[in-house]
Amino acid sequence: MILNDYLEYLIYLCKMENVEELEKQIIEVLKIQFERTGGANGTDFADVDAILKMSIEDRNAFLSRMETEKKIIYISPLNGRTLSLPK
């Protein structure tokens, strides 16, 4: 019983590290674009999709959580929604 709980805990930690690593990669991509444009244009979802490799529903949930935690923001320019860092 204790071994199972410990294994579940280790799996949980591995997943959390993966989530943190994905967040770090996304923020790095957004940071590069933010520095280029001053945060005016944002980054297209395709750039984030290349990192996440998730279904659209999972990707949107992941990004919504990041927005709720104020790690990223959505921008709505004329041609669609993009992602950026908070100013």
C-alpha atoms as a PDB file:
ATOM      1  CA  MET A   1       0.000   0.000   0.000  1.00  0.00           C
ATOM      2  CA  ILE A   2       2.699   2.483   0.933  1.00  0.00           C
ATOM      3  CA  LEU A   3       4.706   1.515  -2.157  1.00  0.00           C
ATOM      4  CA  ASN A   4       1.702   2.199  -4.402  1.00  0.00           C
ATOM      5  CA  ASP A   5       1.175   5.616  -2.824  1.00  0.00           C
ATOM      6  CA  TYR A   6       4.850   6.411  -3.280  1.00  0.00           C
ATOM      7  CA  LEU A   7       4.784   5.331  -6.931  1.00  0.00           C
ATOM      8  CA  GLU A   8       1.700   7.435  -7.568  1.00  0.00           C
ATOM      9  CA  TYR A   9       3.454  10.367  -5.925  1.00  0.00           C
ATOM     10  CA  LEU A  10       6.523   9.887  -8.147  1.00  0.00           C
ATOM     11  CA  ILE A  11       4.320   9.761 -11.256  1.00  0.00           C
ATOM     12  CA  TYR A  12       2.600  12.950 -10.107  1.00  0.00           C
ATOM     13  CA  LEU A  13       5.974  14.684  -9.653  1.00  0.00           C
ATOM     14  CA  CYS A  14       7.129  13.601 -13.113  1.00  0.00           C
ATOM     15  CA  LYS A  15       3.962  15.001 -14.655  1.00  0.00           C
ATOM     16  CA  MET A  16       4.391  18.275 -12.791  1.00  0.00           C
ATOM     17  CA  GLU A  17       7.981  18.580 -13.999  1.00  0.00           C
ATOM     18  CA  ASN A  18       6.767  17.999 -17.554  1.00  0.00           C
ATOM     19  CA  VAL A  19       4.092  20.669 -17.145  1.00  0.00           C
ATOM     20  CA  GLU A  20       6.634  23.119 -15.765  1.00  0.00           C
ATOM     21  CA  GLU A  21       9.008  22.325 -18.636  1.00  0.00           C
ATOM     22  CA  LEU A  22       6.251  22.893 -21.210  1.00  0.00           C
ATOM     23  CA  GLU A  23       5.330  26.193 -19.560  1.00  0.00           C
ATOM     24  CA  LYS A  24       8.977  27.230 -19.594  1.00  0.00           C
ATOM     25  CA  GLN A  25       9.293  26.453 -23.324  1.00  0.00           C
ATOM     26  CA  ILE A  26       6.098  28.340 -24.165  1.00  0.00           C
ATOM     27  CA  ILE A  27       7.179  31.373 -22.160  1.00  0.00           C
ATOM     28  CA  GLU A  28      10.557  31.330 -23.934  1.00  0.00           C
ATOM     29  CA  VAL A  29       8.861  31.391 -27.369  1.00  0.00           C
ATOM     30  CA  LEU A  30       6.546  34.191 -26.247  1.00  0.00           C
ATOM     31  CA  LYS A  31       9.483  36.114 -24.782  1.00  0.00           C
ATOM     32  CA  ILE A  32      11.378  36.070 -28.091  1.00  0.00           C
ATOM     33  CA  GLN A  33       8.351  37.398 -30.006  1.00  0.00           C
ATOM     34  CA  PHE A  34       7.601  39.919 -27.231  1.00  0.00           C
ATOM     35  CA  GLU A  35      11.114  41.340 -27.500  1.00  0.00           C
ATOM     36  CA  ARG A  36      10.835  41.586 -31.310  1.00  0.00           C
ATOM     37  CA  THR A  37       7.502  43.396 -31.365  1.00  0.00           C
ATOM     38  CA  GLY A  38       7.280  45.003 -27.955  1.00  0.00           C
ATOM     39  CA  GLY A  39       4.280  42.812 -27.182  1.00  0.00           C
ATOM     40  CA  ALA A  40       2.118  44.366 -29.889  1.00  0.00           C
ATOM     41  CA  ASN A  41       1.498  41.370 -32.158  1.00  0.00           C
ATOM     42  CA  GLY A  42       1.697  38.287 -29.969  1.00  0.00           C
ATOM     43  CA  THR A  43       2.588  34.755 -31.038  1.00  0.00           C
ATOM     44  CA  ASP A  44       0.469  32.512 -33.233  1.00  0.00           C
ATOM     45  CA  PHE A  45      -1.031  29.354 -31.783  1.00  0.00           C
ATOM     46  CA  ALA A  46       0.905  27.266 -34.345  1.00  0.00           C
ATOM     47  CA  ASP A  47       4.176  28.109 -32.589  1.00  0.00           C
ATOM     48  CA  VAL A  48       2.725  26.864 -29.304  1.00  0.00           C
ATOM     49  CA  ASP A  49       1.198  23.772 -30.942  1.00  0.00           C
ATOM     50  CA  ALA A  50       4.675  22.696 -32.040  1.00  0.00           C
ATOM     51  CA  ILE A  51       5.704  22.575 -28.371  1.00  0.00           C
ATOM     52  CA  LEU A  52       2.568  21.127 -26.795  1.00  0.00           C
ATOM     53  CA  LYS A  53       1.599  18.480 -29.374  1.00  0.00           C
ATOM     54  CA  MET A  54      -1.861  18.122 -27.776  1.00  0.00           C
ATOM     55  CA  SER A  55      -5.403  18.035 -29.034  1.00  0.00           C
ATOM     56  CA  ILE A  56      -7.017  21.437 -29.471  1.00  0.00           C
ATOM     57  CA  GLU A  57      -9.199  20.951 -26.391  1.00  0.00           C
ATOM     58  CA  ASP A  58      -6.224  19.982 -24.196  1.00  0.00           C
ATOM     59  CA  ARG A  59      -4.127  22.815 -25.606  1.00  0.00           C
ATOM     60  CA  ASN A  60      -6.847  25.354 -24.902  1.00  0.00           C
ATOM     61  CA  ALA A  61      -7.293  24.052 -21.360  1.00  0.00           C
ATOM     62  CA  PHE A  62      -3.523  24.178 -20.764  1.00  0.00           C
ATOM     63  CA  LEU A  63      -3.269  27.746 -22.088  1.00  0.00           C
ATOM     64  CA  SER A  64      -6.376  28.859 -20.187  1.00  0.00           C
ATOM     65  CA  ARG A  65      -4.787  27.630 -16.970  1.00  0.00           C
ATOM     66  CA  MET A  66      -1.621  29.567 -17.798  1.00  0.00           C
ATOM     67  CA  GLU A  67      -3.752  32.659 -18.447  1.00  0.00           C
ATOM     68  CA  THR A  68      -5.584  32.207 -15.145  1.00  0.00           C
ATOM     69  CA  GLU A  69      -2.207  32.047 -13.394  1.00  0.00           C
ATOM     70  CA  LYS A  70      -1.285  35.286 -15.244  1.00  0.00           C
ATOM     71  CA  LYS A  71       1.704  33.699 -16.991  1.00  0.00           C
ATOM     72  CA  ILE A  72       0.368  34.578 -20.464  1.00  0.00           C
ATOM     73  CA  ILE A  73      -2.335  36.771 -21.999  1.00  0.00           C
ATOM     74  CA  TYR A  74      -4.524  36.506 -25.069  1.00  0.00           C
ATOM     75  CA  ILE A  75      -4.404  39.338 -27.608  1.00  0.00           C
ATOM     76  CA  SER A  76      -7.156  39.836 -30.171  1.00  0.00           C
ATOM     77  CA  PRO A  77      -5.750  41.719 -33.162  1.00  0.00           C
ATOM     78  CA  LEU A  78      -7.805  42.079 -36.339  1.00  0.00           C
ATOM     79  CA  ASN A  79      -6.699  38.761 -37.845  1.00  0.00           C
ATOM     80  CA  GLY A  80      -7.382  36.455 -34.855  1.00  0.00           C
ATOM     81  CA  ARG A  81      -6.287  35.586 -31.340  1.00  0.00           C
ATOM     82  CA  THR A  82      -2.618  35.369 -30.407  1.00  0.00           C
ATOM     83  CA  LEU A  83      -0.645  34.813 -27.204  1.00  0.00           C
ATOM     84  CA  SER A  84       1.773  37.132 -25.449  1.00  0.00           C
ATOM     85  CA  LEU A  85       3.392  37.814 -22.113  1.00  0.00           C
ATOM     86  CA  PRO A  86       1.753  40.184 -19.651  1.00  0.00           C
ATOM     87  CA  LYS A  87       3.250  43.671 -19.851  1.00  0.00           C
END
